[in-house]
Structure formats: C-alpha cells, structure tokens
Protein backbone atom coordinates (compact mmCIF):
# COMPACT_ATOMS: atom_id res chain seq x y z
CA MET A 1 71.72 134.12 115.86
CA ILE A 2 74.26 136.32 117.67
CA GLU A 3 71.60 138.93 118.42
CA LYS A 4 69.27 136.23 119.78
CA GLN A 5 72.00 134.93 122.12
CA ALA A 6 72.62 138.50 123.39
CA LEU A 7 68.92 139.03 124.12
CA GLU A 8 68.68 135.75 126.04
CA ASP A 9 71.73 136.57 128.16
CA PRO A 10 72.01 140.32 128.97
CA LYS A 11 75.51 139.79 130.40
CA VAL A 12 76.86 138.87 126.98
CA ASN A 13 78.57 141.64 125.03
CA LEU A 14 77.24 141.81 121.44
CA GLU A 15 80.55 142.99 119.93
CA GLU A 16 82.52 140.21 121.63
CA LEU A 17 80.11 137.63 120.21
CA LYS A 18 80.49 139.03 116.70
CA GLU A 19 84.30 138.94 116.97
CA GLU A 20 84.18 135.33 118.23
CA HIS A 21 81.90 134.36 115.32
CA VAL A 22 84.33 135.87 112.80
CA ARG A 23 87.23 133.96 114.40
CA GLN A 24 85.27 130.69 114.14
CA GLU A 25 84.46 131.28 110.46
CA GLU A 26 88.14 132.01 109.70
CA ALA A 27 89.22 128.87 111.57
CA VAL A 28 86.74 126.72 109.65
CA GLU A 29 87.91 128.09 106.29
CA ALA A 30 91.56 127.58 107.23
CA SER A 31 90.92 124.01 108.35
CA LEU A 32 89.14 123.21 105.09
CA CYS A 33 92.01 124.51 102.97
CA ALA A 34 94.49 122.59 105.17
CA GLY A 35 92.58 119.35 104.70
CA GLU A 36 91.29 119.02 108.30
CA PRO A 37 88.57 116.39 108.58
CA LYS A 38 85.79 118.25 110.42
CA LEU A 39 83.61 121.24 109.70
CA LYS A 40 82.24 123.54 112.41
CA ASP A 41 79.01 121.56 112.74
CA GLY A 42 80.86 118.26 113.20
CA HIS A 43 80.27 116.88 109.68
CA GLU A 44 83.13 115.57 107.57
CA ASP A 45 84.32 117.65 104.66
CA PRO A 46 83.92 115.46 101.55
CA ARG A 47 87.27 116.62 100.18
CA SER A 48 89.29 116.11 103.37
CA THR A 49 92.08 113.55 103.01
CA ARG A 50 94.13 111.55 105.46
CA LEU A 51 96.62 108.67 105.42
CA TYR A 52 96.18 105.94 108.04
CA ARG A 53 99.01 103.72 109.32
CA ARG A 54 96.64 100.78 109.02
CA ARG A 55 97.06 100.97 105.22
CA TRP A 56 100.36 99.06 105.45
CA MET A 57 98.71 96.25 107.39
CA ILE A 58 95.97 95.98 104.75
CA VAL A 59 98.32 95.78 101.77
CA LEU A 60 100.67 93.34 103.55
CA LEU A 61 97.78 91.06 104.54
CA PHE A 62 96.59 91.12 100.94
CA SER A 63 100.12 90.30 99.76
CA PHE A 64 100.29 87.27 102.06
CA TYR A 65 97.01 85.71 100.97
CA SER A 66 97.91 86.47 97.34
CA LEU A 67 101.20 84.65 98.02
CA SER A 68 99.35 81.61 99.37
CA ASN A 69 97.22 81.42 96.24
CA SER A 70 99.91 82.03 93.62
CA PHE A 71 102.17 79.40 95.23
CA GLN A 72 99.62 76.78 94.23
CA TRP A 73 99.52 77.93 90.60
CA ILE A 74 102.97 76.46 89.91
CA GLN A 75 103.30 73.76 92.61
CA TYR A 76 102.29 71.02 90.14
CA GLY A 77 104.03 72.33 87.02
CA ILE A 78 107.49 72.76 88.54
CA ILE A 79 107.61 69.02 89.40
CA SER A 80 105.41 67.91 86.53
CA ASN A 81 107.39 64.72 85.92
CA ILE A 82 106.81 63.63 89.55
CA PHE A 83 103.06 64.28 89.48
CA MET A 84 102.82 62.55 86.10
CA LYS A 85 104.29 59.44 87.70
CA PHE A 86 102.19 59.66 90.90
CA TYR A 87 98.80 60.19 89.21
CA ASN A 88 99.73 58.27 86.01
CA VAL A 89 98.76 61.13 83.65
CA ASP A 90 100.53 62.78 80.71
CA ALA A 91 102.41 66.10 80.59
CA PHE A 92 99.58 68.01 78.94
CA THR A 93 97.21 67.01 81.77
CA ILE A 94 99.65 68.39 84.37
CA ASP A 95 100.02 71.58 82.29
CA TRP A 96 96.28 72.08 82.82
CA MET A 97 96.88 72.26 86.59
CA SER A 98 98.48 75.63 85.82
CA MET A 99 96.27 76.59 82.88
CA ILE A 100 93.09 76.08 84.95
CA TYR A 101 94.10 79.29 86.76
CA MET A 102 94.02 81.09 83.42
CA LEU A 103 90.87 79.45 82.10
CA THR A 104 88.80 80.05 85.25
CA TYR A 105 89.66 83.74 85.26
CA ILE A 106 88.14 84.50 81.85
CA PRO A 107 84.41 83.80 82.50
CA PHE A 108 84.41 84.82 86.18
CA ILE A 109 86.26 88.14 86.09
CA PHE A 110 83.25 90.20 85.02
CA PRO A 111 80.87 89.02 87.80
CA VAL A 112 83.72 89.38 90.31
CA THR A 113 84.49 92.98 89.33
CA TRP A 114 80.76 93.74 89.45
CA LEU A 115 80.68 92.29 92.99
CA LEU A 116 83.73 94.39 93.90
CA ASP A 117 81.99 97.58 92.81
CA LYS A 118 78.75 96.65 94.60
CA ARG A 119 80.05 95.05 97.84
CA GLY A 120 83.59 96.37 98.23
CA LEU A 121 87.06 95.10 99.07
CA ARG A 122 86.26 93.28 102.33
CA VAL A 123 83.67 90.94 100.79
CA ILE A 124 86.08 90.17 97.93
CA ALA A 125 88.87 89.40 100.42
CA LEU A 126 86.64 87.09 102.47
CA VAL A 127 85.47 85.14 99.41
CA ALA A 128 89.04 84.86 98.07
CA THR A 129 90.54 83.51 101.27
CA SER A 130 87.64 81.13 101.97
CA LEU A 131 87.86 79.60 98.48
CA ASN A 132 91.64 79.36 98.74
CA CYS A 133 91.37 77.68 102.13
CA ALA A 134 88.75 75.20 100.88
CA GLY A 135 90.88 74.28 97.87
CA THR A 136 93.93 73.49 100.01
CA TRP A 137 91.97 71.11 102.26
CA ILE A 138 90.45 69.35 99.24
CA LYS A 139 93.99 68.71 98.02
CA VAL A 140 94.91 67.22 101.40
CA ALA A 141 92.22 64.58 100.76
CA SER A 142 93.51 63.83 97.25
CA VAL A 143 96.87 62.19 97.99
CA ARG A 144 96.18 58.87 96.31
CA PRO A 145 97.14 57.83 92.77
CA ASP A 146 93.49 57.22 91.86
CA LEU A 147 92.24 60.61 93.09
CA PHE A 148 93.54 62.95 90.39
CA ALA A 149 89.98 64.27 89.87
CA VAL A 150 89.89 65.34 93.55
CA THR A 151 93.21 67.17 93.38
CA PHE A 152 91.99 68.87 90.18
CA LEU A 153 88.84 69.99 92.05
CA GLY A 154 91.02 71.50 94.78
CA GLN A 155 93.09 73.31 92.17
CA PHE A 156 89.89 74.58 90.56
CA CYS A 157 88.78 76.11 93.91
CA CYS A 158 92.14 77.83 94.24
CA SER A 159 91.93 79.07 90.66
CA LEU A 160 88.50 80.53 91.40
CA ALA A 161 89.96 82.29 94.45
CA GLN A 162 92.58 83.83 92.17
CA VAL A 163 89.84 85.69 90.29
CA PHE A 164 89.10 87.56 93.53
CA ILE A 165 92.79 88.36 94.06
CA LEU A 166 94.67 89.09 90.85
CA GLY A 167 93.23 92.51 89.99
CA MET A 168 93.09 93.93 93.51
CA PRO A 169 96.54 95.59 94.00
CA SER A 170 95.66 98.77 92.09
CA ARG A 171 92.26 99.01 93.84
CA ILE A 172 93.79 98.65 97.32
CA ALA A 173 96.52 101.15 96.43
CA SER A 174 93.98 103.74 95.22
CA VAL A 175 91.58 103.28 98.16
CA TRP A 176 94.21 103.36 100.93
CA PHE A 177 97.35 105.18 99.72
CA GLY A 178 98.38 108.74 98.87
CA SER A 179 99.27 109.91 95.38
CA GLU A 180 103.02 109.87 96.16
CA GLU A 181 103.02 106.23 97.25
CA VAL A 182 100.25 104.60 95.22
CA SER A 183 102.59 102.96 92.69
CA THR A 184 104.81 101.62 95.48
CA ALA A 185 101.75 100.21 97.24
CA CYS A 186 100.59 98.55 94.03
CA SER A 187 104.06 97.05 93.63
CA ILE A 188 103.86 95.63 97.17
CA GLY A 189 100.50 94.07 96.31
CA VAL A 190 101.94 92.48 93.17
CA PHE A 191 105.06 91.57 95.20
CA GLY A 192 103.03 89.03 97.22
CA ASN A 193 101.82 87.29 94.08
CA GLN A 194 105.35 87.13 92.72
CA LEU A 195 106.79 85.89 96.01
CA GLY A 196 104.20 83.10 96.06
CA ILE A 197 105.25 82.02 92.56
CA ALA A 198 108.90 82.18 93.66
CA ILE A 199 108.19 79.90 96.63
CA GLY A 200 106.16 77.70 94.30
CA PHE A 201 109.25 77.25 92.15
CA LEU A 202 111.58 76.62 95.10
CA VAL A 203 109.72 74.58 97.72
CA PRO A 204 107.92 71.72 95.87
CA PRO A 205 111.15 70.22 94.42
CA ILE A 206 112.59 70.25 97.97
CA LEU A 207 109.53 68.84 99.76
CA VAL A 208 108.70 66.27 97.05
CA PRO A 209 111.85 64.48 95.86
CA ASN A 210 111.72 62.24 92.79
CA VAL A 211 111.50 58.80 94.46
CA ASP A 212 110.16 55.59 92.94
CA ASP A 213 108.17 54.32 95.94
CA LEU A 214 104.61 55.70 95.53
CA ASP A 215 103.83 55.41 99.27
CA GLU A 216 106.88 57.47 100.16
CA LEU A 217 105.98 59.92 97.40
CA ALA A 218 102.44 60.21 98.78
CA HIS A 219 103.90 61.03 102.20
CA HIS A 220 106.01 63.87 100.77
CA ILE A 221 103.09 65.28 98.73
CA SER A 222 100.86 65.12 101.82
CA ILE A 223 103.35 67.17 103.85
CA MET A 224 103.36 69.88 101.17
CA PHE A 225 99.56 69.97 101.02
CA TYR A 226 99.17 70.13 104.82
CA ILE A 227 101.61 73.05 105.09
CA THR A 228 99.73 74.92 102.36
CA ALA A 229 96.37 74.27 104.05
CA GLY A 230 97.61 75.47 107.43
CA VAL A 231 98.92 78.75 106.00
CA ALA A 232 95.71 79.34 104.00
CA THR A 233 93.56 78.72 107.10
CA LEU A 234 95.57 81.18 109.20
CA LEU A 235 95.28 83.86 106.52
CA PHE A 236 91.51 83.35 106.25
CA ILE A 237 91.17 83.93 110.02
CA LEU A 238 93.31 87.08 109.82
CA VAL A 239 91.20 88.50 107.00
CA VAL A 240 88.01 87.89 109.00
CA PHE A 241 89.29 89.91 111.97
CA VAL A 242 91.71 92.43 110.42
CA PHE A 243 90.82 93.34 106.82
CA GLN A 244 88.94 96.65 106.56
CA GLU A 245 86.79 97.88 103.66
CA ARG A 246 88.28 101.38 103.31
CA PRO A 247 89.63 104.23 105.47
CA GLU A 248 87.19 106.69 107.06
CA LEU A 249 88.67 109.54 105.01
CA PRO A 250 90.02 109.14 101.45
CA PRO A 251 93.80 109.32 100.92
CA THR A 252 93.76 111.60 97.84
CA GLN A 253 91.64 114.25 96.18
CA ALA A 254 91.11 111.87 93.22
CA GLN A 255 89.72 109.22 95.57
CA ALA A 256 87.55 111.83 97.34
CA THR A 257 86.16 112.84 93.96
CA ALA A 258 85.48 109.20 93.04
CA ARG A 259 83.69 108.65 96.36
CA SER A 260 81.40 111.60 95.70
CA ILE A 261 79.81 109.90 92.67
CA PRO A 262 76.34 108.70 93.80
CA PRO A 263 75.94 104.88 93.49
CA GLU A 264 72.78 105.28 91.42
CA GLN A 265 74.79 107.18 88.79
CA TYR A 266 77.26 104.29 88.38
CA SER A 267 76.60 101.53 85.83
CA TYR A 268 79.03 98.61 85.63
CA THR A 269 78.01 97.81 82.04
CA ALA A 270 78.43 101.43 80.98
CA SER A 271 81.83 101.51 82.68
CA VAL A 272 83.03 98.43 80.77
CA LEU A 273 81.76 99.90 77.49
CA ARG A 274 83.58 103.18 78.17
CA LEU A 275 86.78 101.25 78.81
CA LEU A 276 86.40 99.30 75.58
CA ARG A 277 86.04 102.61 73.69
CA ASN A 278 89.25 103.94 75.26
CA ARG A 279 91.82 103.38 72.49
CA PRO A 280 95.01 103.78 74.60
CA PHE A 281 93.59 101.32 77.12
CA ILE A 282 92.75 98.80 74.37
CA PHE A 283 96.38 98.93 73.22
CA LEU A 284 97.47 98.39 76.82
CA ILE A 285 95.11 95.40 77.19
CA ILE A 286 96.76 93.74 74.18
CA THR A 287 100.36 94.55 75.15
CA TYR A 288 99.84 93.52 78.79
CA GLY A 289 98.30 90.23 77.68
CA LEU A 290 101.21 89.49 75.34
CA ASN A 291 103.86 90.16 77.99
CA VAL A 292 102.22 88.39 80.93
CA GLY A 293 101.01 85.56 78.69
CA CYS A 294 104.65 84.91 77.76
CA PHE A 295 105.57 84.85 81.45
CA TYR A 296 102.81 82.33 82.18
CA ALA A 297 104.03 80.08 79.37
CA VAL A 298 107.66 80.24 80.52
CA GLY A 299 106.66 79.50 84.12
CA THR A 300 104.38 76.60 83.24
CA LEU A 301 106.85 74.92 80.85
CA LEU A 302 110.08 75.75 82.71
CA ASN A 303 110.50 72.25 84.16
CA ARG A 304 110.13 70.65 80.73
CA MET A 305 112.62 73.08 79.15
CA ILE A 306 115.27 72.62 81.84
CA ILE A 307 114.91 68.83 82.08
CA GLU A 308 115.29 68.51 78.30
CA HIS A 309 118.75 70.10 78.38
CA TYR A 310 119.78 69.22 81.96
CA PRO A 311 118.27 65.82 82.91
CA GLY A 312 117.69 65.15 86.62
CA GLU A 313 117.90 68.85 87.55
CA GLU A 314 114.37 69.25 88.96
CA VAL A 315 115.66 71.16 91.99
CA ASN A 316 117.71 73.55 89.85
CA ALA A 317 114.69 74.05 87.57
CA GLY A 318 112.85 75.29 90.65
CA ARG A 319 115.77 77.51 91.60
CA ILE A 320 115.86 79.01 88.11
CA GLY A 321 112.13 79.77 88.43
CA LEU A 322 112.86 81.30 91.83
CA THR A 323 115.58 83.45 90.25
CA ILE A 324 113.15 84.68 87.57
CA VAL A 325 110.56 85.76 90.12
CA ILE A 326 112.92 87.19 92.78
CA ALA A 327 114.57 89.33 90.10
CA GLY A 328 111.09 90.39 88.98
CA MET A 329 110.12 91.35 92.52
CA VAL A 330 113.15 93.63 92.72
CA GLY A 331 112.19 95.06 89.33
CA SER A 332 108.60 95.62 90.48
CA LEU A 333 109.63 97.56 93.59
CA ILE A 334 112.17 99.65 91.70
CA CYS A 335 109.64 100.45 88.97
CA GLY A 336 106.97 101.34 91.56
CA ILE A 337 109.27 103.72 93.42
CA TRP A 338 110.45 105.21 90.11
CA LEU A 339 106.86 105.87 89.00
CA ASP A 340 105.99 107.57 92.30
CA LYS A 341 108.99 109.87 91.87
CA THR A 342 108.76 110.63 88.14
CA LYS A 343 105.19 109.79 86.95
CA THR A 344 106.76 108.74 83.61
CA TYR A 345 104.29 105.92 82.99
CA LYS A 346 104.62 105.41 79.25
CA GLN A 347 108.37 105.90 79.08
CA THR A 348 109.00 103.42 81.90
CA THR A 349 106.53 100.89 80.50
CA LEU A 350 108.10 101.04 77.04
CA ALA A 351 111.63 100.72 78.40
CA VAL A 352 110.78 97.71 80.57
CA TYR A 353 108.84 96.05 77.73
CA SER A 354 111.76 96.49 75.33
CA MET A 355 114.16 94.97 77.85
CA SER A 356 111.78 92.03 78.35
CA LEU A 357 112.17 91.30 74.64
CA VAL A 358 115.96 91.55 74.88
CA GLY A 359 115.97 89.30 77.96
CA MET A 360 113.83 86.68 76.20
CA ILE A 361 116.14 86.63 73.16
CA ILE A 362 119.23 86.16 75.35
CA TYR A 363 117.51 83.43 77.43
CA ALA A 364 116.44 81.55 74.29
CA ALA A 365 119.92 81.73 72.77
CA THR A 366 121.79 80.51 75.89
CA LEU A 367 119.45 77.82 77.28
CA ASN A 368 121.10 74.97 75.38
CA LEU A 369 124.75 75.93 75.98
CA GLY A 370 125.15 73.30 78.73
CA HIS A 371 126.06 75.72 81.54
CA LEU A 372 123.44 76.08 84.27
CA TRP A 373 125.09 79.19 85.74
CA VAL A 374 124.51 80.97 82.42
CA VAL A 375 120.83 80.00 82.53
CA PHE A 376 120.54 81.42 86.05
CA ILE A 377 121.93 84.78 84.89
CA THR A 378 119.86 85.05 81.71
CA ALA A 379 116.70 83.85 83.46
CA GLY A 380 117.23 86.44 86.21
CA THR A 381 117.63 89.20 83.63
CA LEU A 382 114.45 88.05 81.89
CA GLY A 383 112.54 87.96 85.17
CA PHE A 384 113.71 91.41 86.28
CA PHE A 385 112.00 93.04 83.32
CA MET A 386 109.19 90.63 82.38
CA THR A 387 107.86 90.16 85.93
CA GLY A 388 108.76 93.73 86.86
CA TYR A 389 106.31 94.86 84.16
CA LEU A 390 103.24 93.60 86.10
CA PRO A 391 102.66 96.61 88.43
CA LEU A 392 103.53 99.01 85.60
CA GLY A 393 100.62 97.69 83.57
CA PHE A 394 98.20 98.01 86.50
CA GLU A 395 99.17 101.57 87.34
CA PHE A 396 99.30 102.74 83.72
CA ALA A 397 95.79 101.32 83.26
CA VAL A 398 94.45 103.25 86.26
CA GLU A 399 95.94 106.46 84.87
CA LEU A 400 94.44 105.89 81.42
CA THR A 401 90.95 104.99 82.71
CA TYR A 402 90.30 107.28 85.73
CA PRO A 403 87.65 107.61 87.21
CA GLU A 404 86.56 104.10 86.19
CA SER A 405 86.87 101.35 88.80
CA GLU A 406 90.43 100.09 89.28
CA GLY A 407 89.08 96.56 89.70
CA THR A 408 87.41 96.68 86.28
CA SER A 409 90.47 97.96 84.41
CA SER A 410 92.77 95.49 86.18
CA GLY A 411 90.29 92.70 85.50
CA LEU A 412 90.32 93.38 81.77
CA LEU A 413 94.13 93.42 81.75
CA ASN A 414 94.30 90.10 83.57
CA CYS A 415 91.61 88.60 81.35
CA SER A 416 93.79 89.37 78.35
CA ALA A 417 96.79 87.85 80.13
CA GLN A 418 94.90 84.62 80.84
CA VAL A 419 93.72 84.29 77.21
CA PHE A 420 97.22 84.80 75.82
CA GLY A 421 98.67 82.63 78.62
CA ILE A 422 96.54 79.64 77.60
CA ILE A 423 97.29 80.15 73.89
CA PHE A 424 101.03 80.60 74.41
CA THR A 425 101.35 77.68 76.86
CA ILE A 426 99.57 75.22 74.55
CA CYS A 427 101.33 76.45 71.39
CA GLN A 428 104.79 76.65 72.94
CA GLY A 429 104.35 73.20 74.48
CA LYS A 430 103.44 71.71 71.10
CA ILE A 431 106.33 73.56 69.39
CA ILE A 432 108.79 72.28 72.02
CA ASP A 433 107.57 68.71 71.50
CA ALA A 434 107.93 69.00 67.73
CA PHE A 435 110.92 71.32 67.17
CA GLY A 436 112.69 71.84 70.53
CA THR A 437 112.99 74.60 73.13
CA LEU A 438 114.74 77.14 70.88
CA ALA A 439 111.83 77.24 68.43
CA GLY A 440 109.35 77.49 71.31
CA ASN A 441 111.18 80.48 72.81
CA ILE A 442 111.54 82.21 69.43
CA PHE A 443 107.77 81.89 69.14
CA LEU A 444 107.43 83.99 72.32
CA CYS A 445 110.04 86.51 71.15
CA VAL A 446 107.95 87.31 68.07
CA PHE A 447 104.95 88.27 70.20
CA LEU A 448 107.06 90.30 72.62
CA LEU A 449 108.33 92.28 69.60
CA ILE A 450 104.73 92.96 68.53
CA GLY A 451 103.90 94.06 72.11
CA THR A 452 106.87 96.44 72.20
CA ILE A 453 105.76 98.13 68.97
CA LEU A 454 102.16 98.49 70.21
CA THR A 455 103.36 99.93 73.54
CA GLY A 456 105.10 102.69 71.64
CA LEU A 457 101.74 103.61 70.05
CA ILE A 458 99.92 104.09 73.40
CA LYS A 459 98.95 107.72 74.02
CA SER A 460 100.06 108.84 77.49
CA ASP A 461 96.75 110.22 78.81
CA LEU A 462 97.35 110.45 82.60
CA ARG A 463 93.82 111.24 83.83
CA ARG A 464 94.32 110.46 87.51
CA GLN A 465 97.36 112.72 87.76
CA ARG A 466 95.42 115.47 85.99
CA ALA A 467 92.50 115.03 88.41
CA ASN A 468 94.79 115.40 91.43
CA LEU A 469 96.35 118.54 89.97
CA LEU A 470 92.93 120.02 89.16
CA ALA A 471 91.67 119.29 92.68
CA ARG A 472 94.69 120.96 94.25
CA ALA A 473 94.36 123.95 91.93
CA ALA A 474 90.64 124.27 92.70
CA GLY A 475 91.06 123.87 96.45
CA PRO A 476 92.30 127.36 97.49
CA THR A 477 89.60 129.11 95.42
CA ASP A 478 86.73 128.05 97.64
CA CYS A 479 87.57 125.08 99.81
CA ARG A 480 83.95 124.58 100.86
CA ASP A 481 82.35 124.44 97.41
CA VAL A 482 82.80 120.68 96.89
CA SER A 483 79.58 120.18 94.94
CA LEU A 484 80.80 122.47 92.19
CA THR A 485 84.34 121.12 91.87
CA THR A 486 83.64 117.36 91.80
CA PRO A 487 81.90 117.04 88.40
CA THR A 488 84.25 119.61 86.91
CA ILE A 489 87.32 117.64 88.05
CA ILE A 490 86.00 114.38 86.61
CA ARG A 491 84.98 115.98 83.34
CA GLU A 492 88.26 117.86 82.85
CA ALA A 493 90.33 114.81 83.86
CA GLN A 494 88.72 112.85 81.03
CA LEU A 495 89.38 115.48 78.37
C-alpha cells in the first residue's frame, strides 16, 4: 500500500511513508494495551473498557423506583390493625397484602429473567415502573370499606412490578460499574429497596392515625395513596426519558468477555440447568432464602409483635421497623465497600450471617422486657446484619456463577427468599397466636442457625474475579487477539 501511494504521488518520499506507517502501528498497539476505545480503522476494540459518569444516574434512578415499590410492600402490614378495621377483614387477610409480593415472585421470576436476557435492562425498567404506577392509581380508587378486592388488585400489580425490580442490582452493577466499585454499586441498588421499606415502616403510621370515624380514616388513607401514586408516576416518566440500556463500552474485562458471547450460543434453559448443578450456588440459594425469609417474616409481623407487648404503640412499631432497615442500609453500604476493598466474599458472608443469628436471639430475648428503648437497640442490631446481608448474597452469587446472567442468579436467590418468606410468615404468625412472640422468634432462630452452618460449607469459587485477573494477564501478550482470549478466559474462569 505504501509503494502504491508513492507511485501515485512522485513527491512522496518512500522511506518517510514507511517510518510513518511504523509509528501508526506502534500507536495502535499502545492504545490497545492502554484500553483506548478505537482501532486505526475506526472500529471499537471489543476488549476496550471505560467508566461513564452516567452510571451513577442509572443506579440512583433504579434505587428510587425500587424504593417506591418496596414502600408499598409493608404499607398495609405496619398498620394492620387499622386496615383490618377499615376493610373489616382479619389479620391473616392483611398479612397476605405483604405475602402477595412473595407469592407473585415465584411463578413470574423465570419468564422475567428470560425477558431480561432477551430484551435488556431498559425494557425491564419500563415494565417495572409502568406496573408500579398502575398499581398505585388502582389503590387510589379503592378507598372505600367495600372495595378491599380493588385495593388487593392494586397491591397485586405492585407485587408483579417487584418481580422486574428485585434481582436487578447485581445486573446493573455488572453492566455499568468497574470491578473496584461493583459491590458498592450493588449495595446502592439494594439501598433503595431498603430505604423504601424503611419509609414504609415510618410514614403510614404517621399519615393514617388510628381513628374511629371511617370517613376520616378514608381521608387519611386517600392522602397516603395519592402521594404514592404521584411519586410512582414521576419515576415512570424519568425512566422513559433517562434510563439507558447499557454503556457504549463495557466497564470491565469480565463484562467485555460476556458481551462477546454470540446470542445464538446462549440458552436460558441451559443457563438455569448449569446454575442448578453448581453446588456452592445451591447452598447459597438455601442460605439466602433462610436469612431473607426470616427478615420478611419479622417485617410482616412486626406490628402484631409490638402491639402484643406495647398496646397502642403503632407509631413506635413503625419506628422500630425504620430502625431495623436504616441500620441494615448502613450495614449494606459498609459490606459493599468492604467487599470492593478485600474481595473476601465467603468470610464476610459467614461473619454477617452469624451475627444475624446472634442479633435474632438477643431481639427475641428482650422483646417482652417492657422497655421500648431496649427493643430499638436490639432491633437495630438485628437489622444491621440481617438486612446488611442482602447485597452480600447477590454479589457472592455473581462470583460463584460467572459468566451466567446476573439476573438469573439473583432471580433464583430471590425466589428462594419468597418461598421461605411465605412459609416463615404463615408459621410464625400461627405460632405467635398459639404460643406467643418468644416461641415465634425462637422458630426463626433455629433456621438462622441452620443457614449459618450451611454458609460455612459453601466453597469460595470466585469465578468473576478469576476472569478479570486472567483478562489482565492475557492483555499485554497480544492486545489485539481478542478472539483467542475470550473463550479461554471463560473456560478457565469456570475451572
């Protein structure tokens, strides 16, 4: 090509052209090894990586619409005695306003994760926020004592939206964030869900006081529903105009490798079967379900437990729930930052799980002492570890299952949590009715002990970390030979 250019233009010096060509080749090779996004011919290098500032907007927007949805999970349960009076239903019926979130998740999670893999994050976000928005407006139309079926329909729509939300933090973190911040990003995603539950514990007892006049009560409930609908509508509009599918360039070598897998080579069914043959992940599915299922039971039945020992303290029951979740949010962020710094996934998970068991034992033993300030302290300790465990489970699962879809692994974890959540809520509720709160809480302690033992048996097989290390080690050898390194990285990461 150089000789041809010299023949076409006799003024061009052949040696100068050759030297310029060598300089261009050296620049291209240097840019590839440095991670620059463009090759000489203008095409993107498949292994180039880049972090975009927009990633923080994406994860924060997700956190806010997750908040809006999780708020509604507990808004009935935390003032269950008030809704029982307004709709003239029993306690078990109001418990189902929380448990419908768990029940809906189980049959719908597999089609939703399939849709995530086929259509991507943006479609999932749009469906989630539209369902959440629709559910809130249905509730607005249900504020009459004879319209319990309508309010249940609204709650069902919101519970269906949750299926499109609950397993997304690890997927968003992997798609948008670098390897040194992925656990922190996942914690921020989970943070929104926890903050929504915290507000769900705090706000309903304030907005809906326990008054005897049903018309006045309907007015207070209507205000709460209108506020929720307005927030959900605003978030839906923001997702339509702001939420982006993925960055132009991947944030990590592991994500670049995952992107390079041709779609026709991916089978959702085969992926699920591989996950179910992954023994460490199966142990994690069980232990995650036991821990989070206990949290769901405590959250759903908290009002009943507090009112039994401290009658008339609906507002303080909400504040205790707030304390549990706020402490858990702090625990989540601390654990996420710790994981990014140390990568000690199993050790951290085991330590936090063990402390969840200790916190549950202390909470159970002190609930009936007659001092609310003691309950606040013990509940906060329980929440710090039990709720702080949520992002640990997500991130540990991604490490154990790479390069499988983060949405699929998170979905299976949450499916387990919903199953155990329903079982524990029903069983603990029946035990409380028959034997009291102490027996109900001891019931949960037994399963947390089983989960702690099983967590200690999980093999720490950190495939994603190994893939990143292999990609970095392979990079300087021949930065341009992507086609050779990609299958090797995936294969060796799984060994």
